[in-house]
Amino acid sequence: MNDQEILSRITTNSEVMTGKPVIKGTRLTVNYILNLLAHGATIAEILEEYEGLAEEDIRACLLFASQSLENTTFMPLTA
């Protein structure tokens, strides 16, 4: 699968979750899935909890986040 095919699993619609990126056909936001992973949930646990999701959906969330950060500039905070 190329990046475009993977990313086609992510969609935005102003009528769904106030336009946040979600896994197509769900109300699961990319942010929510990333938060689950960040707090230690495994891909297997997420797939078990949310029937109908595929591993490719979770990989799409990771790729979406990666590409979203690609063109972002970060400035170091100083105290």
PDB file of N, CA and C in Angstrom:
ATOM      1  N   MET A   1       0.841  -1.188   0.000  1.00  0.00           N
ATOM      2  CA  MET A   1       0.000   0.000   0.000  1.00  0.00           C
ATOM      3  C   MET A   1       0.880   1.243   0.000  1.00  0.00           C
ATOM      4  N   ASN A   2       0.544   2.208  -0.834  1.00  0.00           N
ATOM      5  CA  ASN A   2       1.291   3.457  -0.807  1.00  0.00           C
ATOM      6  C   ASN A   2       0.642   4.425   0.184  1.00  0.00           C
ATOM      7  N   ASP A   3       1.310   5.544   0.423  1.00  0.00           N
ATOM      8  CA  ASP A   3       0.825   6.504   1.423  1.00  0.00           C
ATOM      9  C   ASP A   3      -0.599   6.972   1.133  1.00  0.00           C
ATOM     10  N   GLN A   4      -0.908   7.257  -0.119  1.00  0.00           N
ATOM     11  CA  GLN A   4      -2.243   7.763  -0.460  1.00  0.00           C
ATOM     12  C   GLN A   4      -3.315   6.726  -0.154  1.00  0.00           C
ATOM     13  N   GLU A   5      -3.039   5.465  -0.433  1.00  0.00           N
ATOM     14  CA  GLU A   5      -4.003   4.405  -0.131  1.00  0.00           C
ATOM     15  C   GLU A   5      -4.216   4.280   1.377  1.00  0.00           C
ATOM     16  N   ILE A   6      -3.135   4.374   2.125  1.00  0.00           N
ATOM     17  CA  ILE A   6      -3.250   4.293   3.583  1.00  0.00           C
ATOM     18  C   ILE A   6      -4.034   5.492   4.104  1.00  0.00           C
ATOM     19  N   LEU A   7      -3.676   6.683   3.643  1.00  0.00           N
ATOM     20  CA  LEU A   7      -4.338   7.898   4.126  1.00  0.00           C
ATOM     21  C   LEU A   7      -5.799   8.003   3.699  1.00  0.00           C
ATOM     22  N   SER A   8      -6.204   7.237   2.699  1.00  0.00           N
ATOM     23  CA  SER A   8      -7.606   7.273   2.284  1.00  0.00           C
ATOM     24  C   SER A   8      -8.526   6.724   3.372  1.00  0.00           C
ATOM     25  N   ARG A   9      -7.963   6.099   4.390  1.00  0.00           N
ATOM     26  CA  ARG A   9      -8.738   5.600   5.519  1.00  0.00           C
ATOM     27  C   ARG A   9      -9.086   6.717   6.508  1.00  0.00           C
ATOM     28  N   ILE A  10      -8.470   7.873   6.350  1.00  0.00           N
ATOM     29  CA  ILE A  10      -8.717   9.025   7.229  1.00  0.00           C
ATOM     30  C   ILE A  10      -9.537  10.048   6.450  1.00  0.00           C
ATOM     31  N   THR A  11     -10.540  10.596   7.103  1.00  0.00           N
ATOM     32  CA  THR A  11     -11.401  11.576   6.443  1.00  0.00           C
ATOM     33  C   THR A  11     -11.743  12.707   7.409  1.00  0.00           C
ATOM     34  N   THR A  12     -12.136  13.824   6.846  1.00  0.00           N
ATOM     35  CA  THR A  12     -12.648  14.937   7.653  1.00  0.00           C
ATOM     36  C   THR A  12     -13.981  15.369   7.067  1.00  0.00           C
ATOM     37  N   ASN A  13     -14.884  15.742   7.957  1.00  0.00           N
ATOM     38  CA  ASN A  13     -16.212  16.203   7.569  1.00  0.00           C
ATOM     39  C   ASN A  13     -16.688  17.113   8.688  1.00  0.00           C
ATOM     40  N   SER A  14     -17.037  18.328   8.359  1.00  0.00           N
ATOM     41  CA  SER A  14     -17.443  19.288   9.389  1.00  0.00           C
ATOM     42  C   SER A  14     -18.653  18.804  10.180  1.00  0.00           C
ATOM     43  N   GLU A  15     -19.384  17.834   9.650  1.00  0.00           N
ATOM     44  CA  GLU A  15     -20.566  17.296  10.326  1.00  0.00           C
ATOM     45  C   GLU A  15     -20.219  16.163  11.303  1.00  0.00           C
ATOM     46  N   VAL A  16     -18.990  15.682  11.241  1.00  0.00           N
ATOM     47  CA  VAL A  16     -18.573  14.554  12.083  1.00  0.00           C
ATOM     48  C   VAL A  16     -17.439  15.002  12.981  1.00  0.00           C
ATOM     49  N   MET A  17     -17.645  14.911  14.285  1.00  0.00           N
ATOM     50  CA  MET A  17     -16.627  15.252  15.286  1.00  0.00           C
ATOM     51  C   MET A  17     -16.034  16.643  15.029  1.00  0.00           C
ATOM     52  N   THR A  18     -16.881  17.565  14.690  1.00  0.00           N
ATOM     53  CA  THR A  18     -16.527  18.968  14.422  1.00  0.00           C
ATOM     54  C   THR A  18     -15.380  19.129  13.429  1.00  0.00           C
ATOM     55  N   GLY A  19     -15.309  18.208  12.476  1.00  0.00           N
ATOM     56  CA  GLY A  19     -14.316  18.328  11.419  1.00  0.00           C
ATOM     57  C   GLY A  19     -12.950  17.755  11.731  1.00  0.00           C
ATOM     58  N   LYS A  20     -12.794  17.140  12.900  1.00  0.00           N
ATOM     59  CA  LYS A  20     -11.503  16.519  13.225  1.00  0.00           C
ATOM     60  C   LYS A  20     -11.283  15.318  12.314  1.00  0.00           C
ATOM     61  N   PRO A  21     -10.032  14.991  12.008  1.00  0.00           N
ATOM     62  CA  PRO A  21      -9.764  13.806  11.190  1.00  0.00           C
ATOM     63  C   PRO A  21     -10.188  12.539  11.938  1.00  0.00           C
ATOM     64  N   VAL A  22     -10.945  11.694  11.254  1.00  0.00           N
ATOM     65  CA  VAL A  22     -11.441  10.447  11.844  1.00  0.00           C
ATOM     66  C   VAL A  22     -11.140   9.286  10.912  1.00  0.00           C
ATOM     67  N   ILE A  23     -11.201   8.083  11.477  1.00  0.00           N
ATOM     68  CA  ILE A  23     -11.108   6.882  10.657  1.00  0.00           C
ATOM     69  C   ILE A  23     -12.421   6.767   9.898  1.00  0.00           C
ATOM     70  N   LYS A  24     -12.312   6.640   8.587  1.00  0.00           N
ATOM     71  CA  LYS A  24     -13.487   6.615   7.715  1.00  0.00           C
ATOM     72  C   LYS A  24     -14.529   5.606   8.221  1.00  0.00           C
ATOM     73  N   GLY A  25     -15.778   6.077   8.270  1.00  0.00           N
ATOM     74  CA  GLY A  25     -16.874   5.219   8.693  1.00  0.00           C
ATOM     75  C   GLY A  25     -17.049   5.112  10.193  1.00  0.00           C
ATOM     76  N   THR A  26     -16.261   5.891  10.955  1.00  0.00           N
ATOM     77  CA  THR A  26     -16.340   5.849  12.419  1.00  0.00           C
ATOM     78  C   THR A  26     -16.391   7.276  12.964  1.00  0.00           C
ATOM     79  N   ARG A  27     -16.505   7.371  14.254  1.00  0.00           N
ATOM     80  CA  ARG A  27     -16.349   8.642  14.953  1.00  0.00           C
ATOM     81  C   ARG A  27     -15.094   8.607  15.824  1.00  0.00           C
ATOM     82  N   LEU A  28     -14.177   7.725  15.470  1.00  0.00           N
ATOM     83  CA  LEU A  28     -12.909   7.614  16.194  1.00  0.00           C
ATOM     84  C   LEU A  28     -11.909   8.567  15.564  1.00  0.00           C
ATOM     85  N   THR A  29     -11.499   9.574  16.341  1.00  0.00           N
ATOM     86  CA  THR A  29     -10.567  10.567  15.811  1.00  0.00           C
ATOM     87  C   THR A  29      -9.144  10.016  15.807  1.00  0.00           C
ATOM     88  N   VAL A  30      -8.357  10.568  14.916  1.00  0.00           N
ATOM     89  CA  VAL A  30      -6.930  10.231  14.864  1.00  0.00           C
ATOM     90  C   VAL A  30      -6.307  10.529  16.223  1.00  0.00           C
ATOM     91  N   ASN A  31      -6.643  11.658  16.789  1.00  0.00           N
ATOM     92  CA  ASN A  31      -6.108  12.051  18.091  1.00  0.00           C
ATOM     93  C   ASN A  31      -6.446  11.017  19.163  1.00  0.00           C
ATOM     94  N   TYR A  32      -7.665  10.513  19.163  1.00  0.00           N
ATOM     95  CA  TYR A  32      -8.084   9.526  20.166  1.00  0.00           C
ATOM     96  C   TYR A  32      -7.248   8.246  20.045  1.00  0.00           C
ATOM     97  N   ILE A  33      -7.068   7.761  18.823  1.00  0.00           N
ATOM     98  CA  ILE A  33      -6.293   6.536  18.616  1.00  0.00           C
ATOM     99  C   ILE A  33      -4.835   6.758  19.035  1.00  0.00           C
ATOM    100  N   LEU A  34      -4.261   7.901  18.671  1.00  0.00           N
ATOM    101  CA  LEU A  34      -2.877   8.192  19.067  1.00  0.00           C
ATOM    102  C   LEU A  34      -2.746   8.278  20.586  1.00  0.00           C
ATOM    103  N   ASN A  35      -3.746   8.856  21.230  1.00  0.00           N
ATOM    104  CA  ASN A  35      -3.743   8.959  22.685  1.00  0.00           C
ATOM    105  C   ASN A  35      -3.788   7.571  23.332  1.00  0.00           C
ATOM    106  N   LEU A  36      -4.600   6.676  22.780  1.00  0.00           N
ATOM    107  CA  LEU A  36      -4.640   5.307  23.300  1.00  0.00           C
ATOM    108  C   LEU A  36      -3.257   4.660  23.200  1.00  0.00           C
ATOM    109  N   LEU A  37      -2.631   4.803  22.037  1.00  0.00           N
ATOM    110  CA  LEU A  37      -1.300   4.221  21.845  1.00  0.00           C
ATOM    111  C   LEU A  37      -0.278   4.847  22.791  1.00  0.00           C
ATOM    112  N   ALA A  38      -0.349   6.155  22.956  1.00  0.00           N
ATOM    113  CA  ALA A  38       0.597   6.863  23.831  1.00  0.00           C
ATOM    114  C   ALA A  38       0.465   6.417  25.279  1.00  0.00           C
ATOM    115  N   HIS A  39      -0.734   6.000  25.662  1.00  0.00           N
ATOM    116  CA  HIS A  39      -0.955   5.570  27.040  1.00  0.00           C
ATOM    117  C   HIS A  39      -0.828   4.057  27.213  1.00  0.00           C
ATOM    118  N   GLY A  40      -0.230   3.400  26.224  1.00  0.00           N
ATOM    119  CA  GLY A  40       0.134   2.004  26.404  1.00  0.00           C
ATOM    120  C   GLY A  40      -0.787   0.969  25.786  1.00  0.00           C
ATOM    121  N   ALA A  41      -1.886   1.389  25.183  1.00  0.00           N
ATOM    122  CA  ALA A  41      -2.751   0.403  24.533  1.00  0.00           C
ATOM    123  C   ALA A  41      -2.011  -0.189  23.337  1.00  0.00           C
ATOM    124  N   THR A  42      -2.179  -1.465  23.135  1.00  0.00           N
ATOM    125  CA  THR A  42      -1.568  -2.113  21.981  1.00  0.00           C
ATOM    126  C   THR A  42      -2.547  -2.071  20.811  1.00  0.00           C
ATOM    127  N   ILE A  43      -2.009  -2.287  19.630  1.00  0.00           N
ATOM    128  CA  ILE A  43      -2.876  -2.339  18.448  1.00  0.00           C
ATOM    129  C   ILE A  43      -3.913  -3.448  18.629  1.00  0.00           C
ATOM    130  N   ALA A  44      -3.491  -4.580  19.151  1.00  0.00           N
ATOM    131  CA  ALA A  44      -4.405  -5.710  19.368  1.00  0.00           C
ATOM    132  C   ALA A  44      -5.529  -5.326  20.324  1.00  0.00           C
ATOM    133  N   GLU A  45      -5.203  -4.606  21.387  1.00  0.00           N
ATOM    134  CA  GLU A  45      -6.234  -4.184  22.350  1.00  0.00           C
ATOM    135  C   GLU A  45      -7.234  -3.228  21.706  1.00  0.00           C
ATOM    136  N   ILE A  46      -6.740  -2.306  20.902  1.00  0.00           N
ATOM    137  CA  ILE A  46      -7.626  -1.354  20.234  1.00  0.00           C
ATOM    138  C   ILE A  46      -8.540  -2.085  19.257  1.00  0.00           C
ATOM    139  N   LEU A  47      -7.990  -3.016  18.494  1.00  0.00           N
ATOM    140  CA  LEU A  47      -8.786  -3.768  17.533  1.00  0.00           C
ATOM    141  C   LEU A  47      -9.838  -4.621  18.229  1.00  0.00           C
ATOM    142  N   GLU A  48      -9.496  -5.154  19.393  1.00  0.00           N
ATOM    143  CA  GLU A  48     -10.444  -5.955  20.159  1.00  0.00           C
ATOM    144  C   GLU A  48     -11.586  -5.089  20.692  1.00  0.00           C
ATOM    145  N   GLU A  49     -11.252  -3.886  21.124  1.00  0.00           N
ATOM    146  CA  GLU A  49     -12.252  -2.981  21.709  1.00  0.00           C
ATOM    147  C   GLU A  49     -13.188  -2.393  20.654  1.00  0.00           C
ATOM    148  N   TYR A  50     -12.673  -2.122  19.475  1.00  0.00           N
ATOM    149  CA  TYR A  50     -13.445  -1.450  18.426  1.00  0.00           C
ATOM    150  C   TYR A  50     -13.579  -2.367  17.215  1.00  0.00           C
ATOM    151  N   GLU A  51     -14.606  -3.203  17.263  1.00  0.00           N
ATOM    152  CA  GLU A  51     -14.850  -4.139  16.163  1.00  0.00           C
ATOM    153  C   GLU A  51     -15.032  -3.365  14.865  1.00  0.00           C
ATOM    154  N   GLY A  52     -14.536  -3.910  13.807  1.00  0.00           N
ATOM    155  CA  GLY A  52     -14.649  -3.253  12.508  1.00  0.00           C
ATOM    156  C   GLY A  52     -13.403  -2.473  12.126  1.00  0.00           C
ATOM    157  N   LEU A  53     -12.568  -2.149  13.122  1.00  0.00           N
ATOM    158  CA  LEU A  53     -11.301  -1.490  12.800  1.00  0.00           C
ATOM    159  C   LEU A  53     -10.320  -2.519  12.279  1.00  0.00           C
ATOM    160  N   ALA A  54      -9.420  -2.059  11.446  1.00  0.00           N
ATOM    161  CA  ALA A  54      -8.349  -2.916  10.936  1.00  0.00           C
ATOM    162  C   ALA A  54      -7.019  -2.311  11.343  1.00  0.00           C
ATOM    163  N   GLU A  55      -6.006  -3.132  11.360  1.00  0.00           N
ATOM    164  CA  GLU A  55      -4.670  -2.649  11.708  1.00  0.00           C
ATOM    165  C   GLU A  55      -4.263  -1.497  10.789  1.00  0.00           C
ATOM    166  N   GLU A  56      -4.683  -1.557   9.529  1.00  0.00           N
ATOM    167  CA  GLU A  56      -4.369  -0.493   8.572  1.00  0.00           C
ATOM    168  C   GLU A  56      -4.964   0.848   8.998  1.00  0.00           C
ATOM    169  N   ASP A  57      -6.103   0.822   9.700  1.00  0.00           N
ATOM    170  CA  ASP A  57      -6.707   2.064  10.195  1.00  0.00           C
ATOM    171  C   ASP A  57      -5.792   2.736  11.213  1.00  0.00           C
ATOM    172  N   ILE A  58      -5.210   1.941  12.073  1.00  0.00           N
ATOM    173  CA  ILE A  58      -4.316   2.485  13.099  1.00  0.00           C
ATOM    174  C   ILE A  58      -3.025   2.980  12.452  1.00  0.00           C
ATOM    175  N   ARG A  59      -2.530   2.243  11.500  1.00  0.00           N
ATOM    176  CA  ARG A  59      -1.335   2.689  10.771  1.00  0.00           C
ATOM    177  C   ARG A  59      -1.624   3.992  10.016  1.00  0.00           C
ATOM    178  N   ALA A  60      -2.839   4.132   9.517  1.00  0.00           N
ATOM    179  CA  ALA A  60      -3.222   5.370   8.836  1.00  0.00           C
ATOM    180  C   ALA A  60      -3.186   6.551   9.804  1.00  0.00           C
ATOM    181  N   CYS A  61      -3.601   6.327  11.044  1.00  0.00           N
ATOM    182  CA  CYS A  61      -3.541   7.395  12.055  1.00  0.00           C
ATOM    183  C   CYS A  61      -2.093   7.820  12.285  1.00  0.00           C
ATOM    184  N   LEU A  62      -1.195   6.848  12.379  1.00  0.00           N
ATOM    185  CA  LEU A  62       0.215   7.157  12.599  1.00  0.00           C
ATOM    186  C   LEU A  62       0.801   7.910  11.409  1.00  0.00           C
ATOM    187  N   LEU A  63       0.483   7.483  10.212  1.00  0.00           N
ATOM    188  CA  LEU A  63       0.998   8.154   9.022  1.00  0.00           C
ATOM    189  C   LEU A  63       0.427   9.566   8.912  1.00  0.00           C
ATOM    190  N   PHE A  64      -0.859   9.714   9.214  1.00  0.00           N
ATOM    191  CA  PHE A  64      -1.487  11.033   9.173  1.00  0.00           C
ATOM    192  C   PHE A  64      -0.771  11.990  10.129  1.00  0.00           C
ATOM    193  N   ALA A  65      -0.516  11.524  11.347  1.00  0.00           N
ATOM    194  CA  ALA A  65       0.167  12.356  12.336  1.00  0.00           C
ATOM    195  C   ALA A  65       1.579  12.694  11.870  1.00  0.00           C
ATOM    196  N   SER A  66       2.271  11.723  11.344  1.00  0.00           N
ATOM    197  CA  SER A  66       3.635  11.942  10.859  1.00  0.00           C
ATOM    198  C   SER A  66       3.662  12.994   9.757  1.00  0.00           C
ATOM    199  N   GLN A  67       2.778  12.867   8.796  1.00  0.00           N
ATOM    200  CA  GLN A  67       2.761  13.825   7.695  1.00  0.00           C
ATOM    201  C   GLN A  67       2.262  15.194   8.141  1.00  0.00           C
ATOM    202  N   SER A  68       1.393  15.235   9.133  1.00  0.00           N
ATOM    203  CA  SER A  68       0.913  16.519   9.650  1.00  0.00           C
ATOM    204  C   SER A  68       2.044  17.305  10.305  1.00  0.00           C
ATOM    205  N   LEU A  69       2.964  16.597  10.933  1.00  0.00           N
ATOM    206  CA  LEU A  69       4.083  17.247  11.618  1.00  0.00           C
ATOM    207  C   LEU A  69       5.230  17.594  10.679  1.00  0.00           C
ATOM    208  N   GLU A  70       5.225  17.003   9.505  1.00  0.00           N
ATOM    209  CA  GLU A  70       6.326  17.176   8.567  1.00  0.00           C
ATOM    210  C   GLU A  70       6.585  18.638   8.206  1.00  0.00           C
ATOM    211  N   ASN A  71       5.550  19.407   8.046  1.00  0.00           N
ATOM    212  CA  ASN A  71       5.700  20.799   7.621  1.00  0.00           C
ATOM    213  C   ASN A  71       5.495  21.789   8.761  1.00  0.00           C
ATOM    214  N   THR A  72       5.685  21.322   9.970  1.00  0.00           N
ATOM    215  CA  THR A  72       5.501  22.161  11.142  1.00  0.00           C
ATOM    216  C   THR A  72       6.870  22.593  11.676  1.00  0.00           C
ATOM    217  N   THR A  73       6.969  23.849  12.030  1.00  0.00           N
ATOM    218  CA  THR A  73       8.190  24.357  12.619  1.00  0.00           C
ATOM    219  C   THR A  73       7.996  24.458  14.117  1.00  0.00           C
ATOM    220  N   PHE A  74       8.935  23.942  14.864  1.00  0.00           N
ATOM    221  CA  PHE A  74       8.883  24.021  16.314  1.00  0.00           C
ATOM    222  C   PHE A  74       9.932  24.993  16.800  1.00  0.00           C
ATOM    223  N   MET A  75       9.537  25.846  17.711  1.00  0.00           N
ATOM    224  CA  MET A  75      10.454  26.807  18.314  1.00  0.00           C
ATOM    225  C   MET A  75      10.684  26.362  19.755  1.00  0.00           C
ATOM    226  N   PRO A  76      11.925  26.297  20.179  1.00  0.00           N
ATOM    227  CA  PRO A  76      12.198  25.904  21.562  1.00  0.00           C
ATOM    228  C   PRO A  76      11.647  26.957  22.528  1.00  0.00           C
ATOM    229  N   LEU A  77      11.069  26.457  23.607  1.00  0.00           N
ATOM    230  CA  LEU A  77      10.573  27.354  24.649  1.00  0.00           C
ATOM    231  C   LEU A  77      11.702  27.602  25.642  1.00  0.00           C
ATOM    232  N   THR A  78      11.878  28.850  26.017  1.00  0.00           N
ATOM    233  CA  THR A  78      12.889  29.171  27.015  1.00  0.00           C
ATOM    234  C   THR A  78      12.215  29.872  28.181  1.00  0.00           C
ATOM    235  N   ALA A  79      12.723  29.595  29.355  1.00  0.00           N
ATOM    236  CA  ALA A  79      12.139  30.192  30.557  1.00  0.00           C
ATOM    237  C   ALA A  79      12.887  31.431  30.947  1.00  0.00           C
TER     238      ALA A  79
END
